[in-house]
């Protein structure tokens, strides 16, 4: 059923992010883990075998690197009132 498309998940190591990553994998997508905490990303990448790309919403260059090649991005980072606009 999956497409094999890469989907970046910002806030991948949080409560909602982990659910989104699991659902993407179940549907045949290739999640790329992203978020601002490099250590938490590294741990999740090790556990899941997925690629981690640290980024911060206030650093456009890091976001460009994190989202490179992704067909879509899912923002799971909170607080949700502060992160969507960037």
PDB file of N, CA and C in Angstrom:
ATOM      1  N   UNK A   1       0.812  -1.200   0.000  1.00  0.00           N
ATOM      2  CA  UNK A   1       0.000   0.000   0.000  1.00  0.00           C
ATOM      3  C   UNK A   1       0.854   1.262   0.000  1.00  0.00           C
ATOM      4  N   UNK A   2       2.106   1.176   0.423  1.00  0.00           N
ATOM      5  CA  UNK A   2       2.918   2.365   0.608  1.00  0.00           C
ATOM      6  C   UNK A   2       3.501   2.917  -0.666  1.00  0.00           C
ATOM      7  N   UNK A   3       3.965   4.113  -0.537  1.00  0.00           N
ATOM      8  CA  UNK A   3       4.506   4.827  -1.678  1.00  0.00           C
ATOM      9  C   UNK A   3       6.023   4.861  -1.677  1.00  0.00           C
ATOM     10  N   UNK A   4       6.652   4.599  -0.531  1.00  0.00           N
ATOM     11  CA  UNK A   4       8.091   4.713  -0.416  1.00  0.00           C
ATOM     12  C   UNK A   4       8.576   6.144  -0.354  1.00  0.00           C
ATOM     13  N   UNK A   5       7.653   7.100  -0.355  1.00  0.00           N
ATOM     14  CA  UNK A   5       8.025   8.508  -0.292  1.00  0.00           C
ATOM     15  C   UNK A   5       8.584   8.865   1.082  1.00  0.00           C
ATOM     16  N   UNK A   6       9.526   9.785   1.084  1.00  0.00           N
ATOM     17  CA  UNK A   6      10.121  10.275   2.324  1.00  0.00           C
ATOM     18  C   UNK A   6       9.238  11.358   2.920  1.00  0.00           C
ATOM     19  N   UNK A   7       8.967  11.238   4.209  1.00  0.00           N
ATOM     20  CA  UNK A   7       8.174  12.228   4.929  1.00  0.00           C
ATOM     21  C   UNK A   7       8.963  12.646   6.168  1.00  0.00           C
ATOM     22  N   UNK A   8       9.277  13.926   6.276  1.00  0.00           N
ATOM     23  CA  UNK A   8       9.972  14.439   7.448  1.00  0.00           C
ATOM     24  C   UNK A   8       8.966  14.625   8.582  1.00  0.00           C
ATOM     25  N   UNK A   9       9.347  14.194   9.765  1.00  0.00           N
ATOM     26  CA  UNK A   9       8.490  14.341  10.943  1.00  0.00           C
ATOM     27  C   UNK A   9       9.236  15.215  11.941  1.00  0.00           C
ATOM     28  N   UNK A  10       8.802  16.468  12.052  1.00  0.00           N
ATOM     29  CA  UNK A  10       9.422  17.403  12.988  1.00  0.00           C
ATOM     30  C   UNK A  10       8.793  17.186  14.362  1.00  0.00           C
ATOM     31  N   UNK A  11       9.639  16.968  15.369  1.00  0.00           N
ATOM     32  CA  UNK A  11       9.155  16.609  16.691  1.00  0.00           C
ATOM     33  C   UNK A  11       8.922  15.106  16.788  1.00  0.00           C
ATOM     34  N   UNK A  12       9.712  14.342  16.030  1.00  0.00           N
ATOM     35  CA  UNK A  12       9.523  12.898  15.912  1.00  0.00           C
ATOM     36  C   UNK A  12       9.668  12.146  17.228  1.00  0.00           C
ATOM     37  N   UNK A  13      10.425  12.672  18.162  1.00  0.00           N
ATOM     38  CA  UNK A  13      10.688  11.946  19.415  1.00  0.00           C
ATOM     39  C   UNK A  13       9.649  12.218  20.495  1.00  0.00           C
ATOM     40  N   UNK A  14       8.712  13.089  20.246  1.00  0.00           N
ATOM     41  CA  UNK A  14       7.665  13.380  21.228  1.00  0.00           C
ATOM     42  C   UNK A  14       6.546  12.349  21.182  1.00  0.00           C
ATOM     43  N   UNK A  15       5.594  12.523  22.056  1.00  0.00           N
ATOM     44  CA  UNK A  15       4.468  11.597  22.187  1.00  0.00           C
ATOM     45  C   UNK A  15       3.734  11.420  20.855  1.00  0.00           C
ATOM     46  N   UNK A  16       3.292  12.513  20.268  1.00  0.00           N
ATOM     47  CA  UNK A  16       2.562  12.456  18.999  1.00  0.00           C
ATOM     48  C   UNK A  16       3.487  12.048  17.859  1.00  0.00           C
ATOM     49  N   UNK A  17       4.697  12.565  17.856  1.00  0.00           N
ATOM     50  CA  UNK A  17       5.651  12.253  16.795  1.00  0.00           C
ATOM     51  C   UNK A  17       5.930  10.774  16.654  1.00  0.00           C
ATOM     52  N   UNK A  18       6.062  10.076  17.777  1.00  0.00           N
ATOM     53  CA  UNK A  18       6.321   8.628  17.727  1.00  0.00           C
ATOM     54  C   UNK A  18       5.141   7.883  17.088  1.00  0.00           C
ATOM     55  N   UNK A  19       3.923   8.317  17.390  1.00  0.00           N
ATOM     56  CA  UNK A  19       2.753   7.700  16.765  1.00  0.00           C
ATOM     57  C   UNK A  19       2.747   7.954  15.260  1.00  0.00           C
ATOM     58  N   UNK A  20       3.047   9.176  14.868  1.00  0.00           N
ATOM     59  CA  UNK A  20       3.061   9.525  13.445  1.00  0.00           C
ATOM     60  C   UNK A  20       4.121   8.716  12.705  1.00  0.00           C
ATOM     61  N   UNK A  21       5.315   8.610  13.273  1.00  0.00           N
ATOM     62  CA  UNK A  21       6.386   7.823  12.649  1.00  0.00           C
ATOM     63  C   UNK A  21       5.935   6.377  12.460  1.00  0.00           C
ATOM     64  N   UNK A  22       5.339   5.789  13.483  1.00  0.00           N
ATOM     65  CA  UNK A  22       4.878   4.397  13.385  1.00  0.00           C
ATOM     66  C   UNK A  22       3.819   4.238  12.301  1.00  0.00           C
ATOM     67  N   UNK A  23       2.884   5.169  12.242  1.00  0.00           N
ATOM     68  CA  UNK A  23       1.824   5.083  11.233  1.00  0.00           C
ATOM     69  C   UNK A  23       2.378   5.259   9.823  1.00  0.00           C
ATOM     70  N   UNK A  24       3.320   6.159   9.648  1.00  0.00           N
ATOM     71  CA  UNK A  24       3.935   6.336   8.332  1.00  0.00           C
ATOM     72  C   UNK A  24       4.626   5.054   7.882  1.00  0.00           C
ATOM     73  N   UNK A  25       5.371   4.440   8.790  1.00  0.00           N
ATOM     74  CA  UNK A  25       6.065   3.193   8.448  1.00  0.00           C
ATOM     75  C   UNK A  25       5.060   2.103   8.081  1.00  0.00           C
ATOM     76  N   UNK A  26       3.996   2.004   8.858  1.00  0.00           N
ATOM     77  CA  UNK A  26       2.968   0.990   8.584  1.00  0.00           C
ATOM     78  C   UNK A  26       2.345   1.172   7.210  1.00  0.00           C
ATOM     79  N   UNK A  27       2.342   2.400   6.724  1.00  0.00           N
ATOM     80  CA  UNK A  27       1.715   2.703   5.434  1.00  0.00           C
ATOM     81  C   UNK A  27       2.721   2.748   4.281  1.00  0.00           C
ATOM     82  N   UNK A  28       3.973   2.380   4.552  1.00  0.00           N
ATOM     83  CA  UNK A  28       4.961   2.280   3.489  1.00  0.00           C
ATOM     84  C   UNK A  28       5.742   3.538   3.185  1.00  0.00           C
ATOM     85  N   UNK A  29       5.596   4.557   4.004  1.00  0.00           N
ATOM     86  CA  UNK A  29       6.387   5.771   3.829  1.00  0.00           C
ATOM     87  C   UNK A  29       7.727   5.598   4.545  1.00  0.00           C
ATOM     88  N   UNK A  30       8.674   6.468   4.227  1.00  0.00           N
ATOM     89  CA  UNK A  30       9.987   6.448   4.865  1.00  0.00           C
ATOM     90  C   UNK A  30      10.116   7.714   5.707  1.00  0.00           C
ATOM     91  N   UNK A  31       9.884   7.609   7.008  1.00  0.00           N
ATOM     92  CA  UNK A  31       9.999   8.799   7.857  1.00  0.00           C
ATOM     93  C   UNK A  31      11.451   9.227   8.034  1.00  0.00           C
ATOM     94  N   UNK A  32      11.665  10.522   8.044  1.00  0.00           N
ATOM     95  CA  UNK A  32      12.946  11.114   8.429  1.00  0.00           C
ATOM     96  C   UNK A  32      12.677  11.843   9.733  1.00  0.00           C
ATOM     97  N   UNK A  33      13.438  11.493  10.751  1.00  0.00           N
ATOM     98  CA  UNK A  33      13.233  12.046  12.084  1.00  0.00           C
ATOM     99  C   UNK A  33      13.857  13.423  12.181  1.00  0.00           C
ATOM    100  N   UNK A  34      13.106  14.378  12.695  1.00  0.00           N
ATOM    101  CA  UNK A  34      13.631  15.722  12.852  1.00  0.00           C
ATOM    102  C   UNK A  34      13.104  16.337  14.137  1.00  0.00           C
ATOM    103  N   UNK A  35      13.823  17.359  14.592  1.00  0.00           N
ATOM    104  CA  UNK A  35      13.481  18.078  15.811  1.00  0.00           C
ATOM    105  C   UNK A  35      14.721  18.798  16.312  1.00  0.00           C
ATOM    106  N   UNK A  36      14.570  19.532  17.381  1.00  0.00           N
ATOM    107  CA  UNK A  36      15.688  20.361  17.835  1.00  0.00           C
ATOM    108  C   UNK A  36      16.632  19.658  18.806  1.00  0.00           C
ATOM    109  N   UNK A  37      16.206  18.563  19.427  1.00  0.00           N
ATOM    110  CA  UNK A  37      17.039  17.866  20.401  1.00  0.00           C
ATOM    111  C   UNK A  37      17.807  16.736  19.719  1.00  0.00           C
ATOM    112  N   UNK A  38      19.063  17.024  19.362  1.00  0.00           N
ATOM    113  CA  UNK A  38      19.875  16.064  18.611  1.00  0.00           C
ATOM    114  C   UNK A  38      20.082  14.759  19.370  1.00  0.00           C
ATOM    115  N   UNK A  39      20.223  14.820  20.679  1.00  0.00           N
ATOM    116  CA  UNK A  39      20.437  13.600  21.459  1.00  0.00           C
ATOM    117  C   UNK A  39      19.211  12.689  21.433  1.00  0.00           C
ATOM    118  N   UNK A  40      18.032  13.278  21.578  1.00  0.00           N
ATOM    119  CA  UNK A  40      16.799  12.473  21.528  1.00  0.00           C
ATOM    120  C   UNK A  40      16.587  11.896  20.134  1.00  0.00           C
ATOM    121  N   UNK A  41      16.932  12.671  19.111  1.00  0.00           N
ATOM    122  CA  UNK A  41      16.829  12.170  17.738  1.00  0.00           C
ATOM    123  C   UNK A  41      17.780  11.000  17.519  1.00  0.00           C
ATOM    124  N   UNK A  42      18.999  11.139  18.015  1.00  0.00           N
ATOM    125  CA  UNK A  42      20.003  10.091  17.853  1.00  0.00           C
ATOM    126  C   UNK A  42      19.526   8.787  18.495  1.00  0.00           C
ATOM    127  N   UNK A  43      18.943   8.896  19.678  1.00  0.00           N
ATOM    128  CA  UNK A  43      18.428   7.712  20.367  1.00  0.00           C
ATOM    129  C   UNK A  43      17.314   7.066  19.566  1.00  0.00           C
ATOM    130  N   UNK A  44      16.361   7.875  19.105  1.00  0.00           N
ATOM    131  CA  UNK A  44      15.248   7.335  18.328  1.00  0.00           C
ATOM    132  C   UNK A  44      15.729   6.739  17.006  1.00  0.00           C
ATOM    133  N   UNK A  45      16.697   7.387  16.374  1.00  0.00           N
ATOM    134  CA  UNK A  45      17.246   6.867  15.123  1.00  0.00           C
ATOM    135  C   UNK A  45      17.892   5.508  15.353  1.00  0.00           C
ATOM    136  N   UNK A  46      18.610   5.363  16.449  1.00  0.00           N
ATOM    137  CA  UNK A  46      19.242   4.089  16.782  1.00  0.00           C
ATOM    138  C   UNK A  46      18.179   3.014  17.014  1.00  0.00           C
ATOM    139  N   UNK A  47      17.138   3.361  17.747  1.00  0.00           N
ATOM    140  CA  UNK A  47      16.070   2.403  18.064  1.00  0.00           C
ATOM    141  C   UNK A  47      15.273   1.990  16.820  1.00  0.00           C
ATOM    142  N   UNK A  48      15.086   2.919  15.906  1.00  0.00           N
ATOM    143  CA  UNK A  48      14.195   2.680  14.762  1.00  0.00           C
ATOM    144  C   UNK A  48      14.905   2.333  13.460  1.00  0.00           C
ATOM    145  N   UNK A  49      16.193   2.633  13.388  1.00  0.00           N
ATOM    146  CA  UNK A  49      16.917   2.422  12.145  1.00  0.00           C
ATOM    147  C   UNK A  49      16.634   3.464  11.089  1.00  0.00           C
ATOM    148  N   UNK A  50      16.071   4.591  11.512  1.00  0.00           N
ATOM    149  CA  UNK A  50      15.739   5.674  10.583  1.00  0.00           C
ATOM    150  C   UNK A  50      16.771   6.789  10.646  1.00  0.00           C
ATOM    151  N   UNK A  51      16.766   7.623   9.626  1.00  0.00           N
ATOM    152  CA  UNK A  51      17.671   8.769   9.565  1.00  0.00           C
ATOM    153  C   UNK A  51      17.172   9.900  10.454  1.00  0.00           C
ATOM    154  N   UNK A  52      18.116  10.552  11.136  1.00  0.00           N
ATOM    155  CA  UNK A  52      17.796  11.712  11.973  1.00  0.00           C
ATOM    156  C   UNK A  52      18.450  12.960  11.405  1.00  0.00           C
ATOM    157  N   UNK A  53      17.686  14.047  11.376  1.00  0.00           N
ATOM    158  CA  UNK A  53      18.187  15.340  10.894  1.00  0.00           C
ATOM    159  C   UNK A  53      17.760  16.422  11.877  1.00  0.00           C
ATOM    160  N   UNK A  54      18.638  16.811  12.788  1.00  0.00           N
ATOM    161  CA  UNK A  54      18.293  17.869  13.743  1.00  0.00           C
ATOM    162  C   UNK A  54      17.992  19.188  13.035  1.00  0.00           C
ATOM    163  N   UNK A  55      17.055  19.940  13.585  1.00  0.00           N
ATOM    164  CA  UNK A  55      16.685  21.245  13.033  1.00  0.00           C
ATOM    165  C   UNK A  55      15.972  22.053  14.104  1.00  0.00           C
ATOM    166  N   UNK A  56      15.935  23.357  13.878  1.00  0.00           N
ATOM    167  CA  UNK A  56      15.231  24.255  14.783  1.00  0.00           C
ATOM    168  C   UNK A  56      14.377  25.209  13.959  1.00  0.00           C
ATOM    169  N   UNK A  57      13.190  25.522  14.457  1.00  0.00           N
ATOM    170  CA  UNK A  57      12.298  26.404  13.699  1.00  0.00           C
ATOM    171  C   UNK A  57      12.853  27.814  13.553  1.00  0.00           C
ATOM    172  N   UNK A  58      13.801  28.201  14.394  1.00  0.00           N
ATOM    173  CA  UNK A  58      14.382  29.543  14.274  1.00  0.00           C
ATOM    174  C   UNK A  58      15.710  29.527  13.512  1.00  0.00           C
ATOM    175  N   UNK A  59      16.015  28.427  12.830  1.00  0.00           N
ATOM    176  CA  UNK A  59      17.226  28.308  12.012  1.00  0.00           C
ATOM    177  C   UNK A  59      16.829  27.774  10.632  1.00  0.00           C
ATOM    178  N   UNK A  60      16.505  28.697   9.705  1.00  0.00           N
ATOM    179  CA  UNK A  60      16.029  28.266   8.381  1.00  0.00           C
ATOM    180  C   UNK A  60      16.974  27.317   7.650  1.00  0.00           C
ATOM    181  N   UNK A  61      18.275  27.500   7.796  1.00  0.00           N
ATOM    182  CA  UNK A  61      19.222  26.619   7.102  1.00  0.00           C
ATOM    183  C   UNK A  61      19.108  25.186   7.617  1.00  0.00           C
ATOM    184  N   UNK A  62      18.920  25.028   8.920  1.00  0.00           N
ATOM    185  CA  UNK A  62      18.784  23.674   9.476  1.00  0.00           C
ATOM    186  C   UNK A  62      17.479  23.036   9.007  1.00  0.00           C
ATOM    187  N   UNK A  63      16.439  23.841   8.865  1.00  0.00           N
ATOM    188  CA  UNK A  63      15.172  23.310   8.341  1.00  0.00           C
ATOM    189  C   UNK A  63      15.326  22.887   6.883  1.00  0.00           C
ATOM    190  N   UNK A  64      16.037  23.675   6.101  1.00  0.00           N
ATOM    191  CA  UNK A  64      16.288  23.310   4.708  1.00  0.00           C
ATOM    192  C   UNK A  64      16.989  21.959   4.623  1.00  0.00           C
ATOM    193  N   UNK A  65      18.005  21.746   5.469  1.00  0.00           N
ATOM    194  CA  UNK A  65      18.728  20.474   5.468  1.00  0.00           C
ATOM    195  C   UNK A  65      17.816  19.328   5.912  1.00  0.00           C
ATOM    196  N   UNK A  66      17.016  19.568   6.933  1.00  0.00           N
ATOM    197  CA  UNK A  66      16.151  18.520   7.479  1.00  0.00           C
ATOM    198  C   UNK A  66      15.062  18.102   6.500  1.00  0.00           C
ATOM    199  N   UNK A  67      14.583  19.047   5.704  1.00  0.00           N
ATOM    200  CA  UNK A  67      13.463  18.768   4.804  1.00  0.00           C
ATOM    201  C   UNK A  67      13.891  18.415   3.383  1.00  0.00           C
ATOM    202  N   UNK A  68      15.186  18.452   3.110  1.00  0.00           N
ATOM    203  CA  UNK A  68      15.685  18.173   1.757  1.00  0.00           C
ATOM    204  C   UNK A  68      15.243  16.789   1.297  1.00  0.00           C
ATOM    205  N   UNK A  69      14.623  16.744   0.136  1.00  0.00           N
ATOM    206  CA  UNK A  69      14.211  15.482  -0.460  1.00  0.00           C
ATOM    207  C   UNK A  69      12.909  14.906   0.076  1.00  0.00           C
ATOM    208  N   UNK A  70      12.312  15.571   1.044  1.00  0.00           N
ATOM    209  CA  UNK A  70      11.055  15.068   1.611  1.00  0.00           C
ATOM    210  C   UNK A  70       9.882  15.468   0.725  1.00  0.00           C
ATOM    211  N   UNK A  71       8.966  14.529   0.533  1.00  0.00           N
ATOM    212  CA  UNK A  71       7.759  14.807  -0.237  1.00  0.00           C
ATOM    213  C   UNK A  71       6.754  15.595   0.595  1.00  0.00           C
ATOM    214  N   UNK A  72       6.862  15.466   1.921  1.00  0.00           N
ATOM    215  CA  UNK A  72       5.943  16.146   2.832  1.00  0.00           C
ATOM    216  C   UNK A  72       6.616  16.276   4.191  1.00  0.00           C
ATOM    217  N   UNK A  73       6.032  17.124   5.019  1.00  0.00           N
ATOM    218  CA  UNK A  73       6.497  17.275   6.392  1.00  0.00           C
ATOM    219  C   UNK A  73       5.281  17.268   7.313  1.00  0.00           C
ATOM    220  N   UNK A  74       5.431  16.596   8.452  1.00  0.00           N
ATOM    221  CA  UNK A  74       4.390  16.587   9.471  1.00  0.00           C
ATOM    222  C   UNK A  74       4.985  17.247  10.708  1.00  0.00           C
ATOM    223  N   UNK A  75       4.352  18.330  11.173  1.00  0.00           N
ATOM    224  CA  UNK A  75       4.822  19.031  12.359  1.00  0.00           C
ATOM    225  C   UNK A  75       4.149  18.450  13.601  1.00  0.00           C
ATOM    226  N   UNK A  76       4.943  17.796  14.433  1.00  0.00           N
ATOM    227  CA  UNK A  76       4.448  17.223  15.689  1.00  0.00           C
ATOM    228  C   UNK A  76       5.078  17.915  16.883  1.00  0.00           C
ATOM    229  N   UNK A  77       5.795  19.003  16.636  1.00  0.00           N
ATOM    230  CA  UNK A  77       6.501  19.712  17.705  1.00  0.00           C
ATOM    231  C   UNK A  77       5.575  20.703  18.394  1.00  0.00           C
ATOM    232  N   UNK A  78       5.658  20.744  19.673  1.00  0.00           N
ATOM    233  CA  UNK A  78       4.900  21.721  20.437  1.00  0.00           C
ATOM    234  C   UNK A  78       5.819  22.787  20.975  1.00  0.00           C
ATOM    235  N   UNK A  79       5.328  23.823  21.540  1.00  0.00           N
ATOM    236  CA  UNK A  79       3.898  24.056  21.676  1.00  0.00           C
ATOM    237  C   UNK A  79       3.279  24.404  20.317  1.00  0.00           C
ATOM    238  N   UNK A  80       2.137  23.812  20.035  1.00  0.00           N
ATOM    239  CA  UNK A  80       1.550  23.917  18.705  1.00  0.00           C
ATOM    240  C   UNK A  80       1.181  25.346  18.318  1.00  0.00           C
ATOM    241  N   UNK A  81       0.964  26.210  19.272  1.00  0.00           N
ATOM    242  CA  UNK A  81       0.653  27.592  18.968  1.00  0.00           C
ATOM    243  C   UNK A  81       1.881  28.369  18.487  1.00  0.00           C
ATOM    244  N   UNK A  82       3.084  27.851  18.808  1.00  0.00           N
ATOM    245  CA  UNK A  82       4.300  28.600  18.486  1.00  0.00           C
ATOM    246  C   UNK A  82       5.067  28.052  17.280  1.00  0.00           C
ATOM    247  N   UNK A  83       4.925  26.787  16.937  1.00  0.00           N
ATOM    248  CA  UNK A  83       5.772  26.201  15.898  1.00  0.00           C
ATOM    249  C   UNK A  83       5.209  26.183  14.479  1.00  0.00           C
ATOM    250  N   UNK A  84       3.903  26.233  14.238  1.00  0.00           N
ATOM    251  CA  UNK A  84       3.424  26.141  12.856  1.00  0.00           C
ATOM    252  C   UNK A  84       3.874  27.260  11.918  1.00  0.00           C
ATOM    253  N   UNK A  85       3.844  28.536  12.330  1.00  0.00           N
ATOM    254  CA  UNK A  85       4.206  29.571  11.351  1.00  0.00           C
ATOM    255  C   UNK A  85       5.604  29.418  10.744  1.00  0.00           C
ATOM    256  N   UNK A  86       6.664  29.162  11.528  1.00  0.00           N
ATOM    257  CA  UNK A  86       7.990  29.024  10.892  1.00  0.00           C
ATOM    258  C   UNK A  86       8.037  27.830   9.969  1.00  0.00           C
TER     259      UNK A  86
END
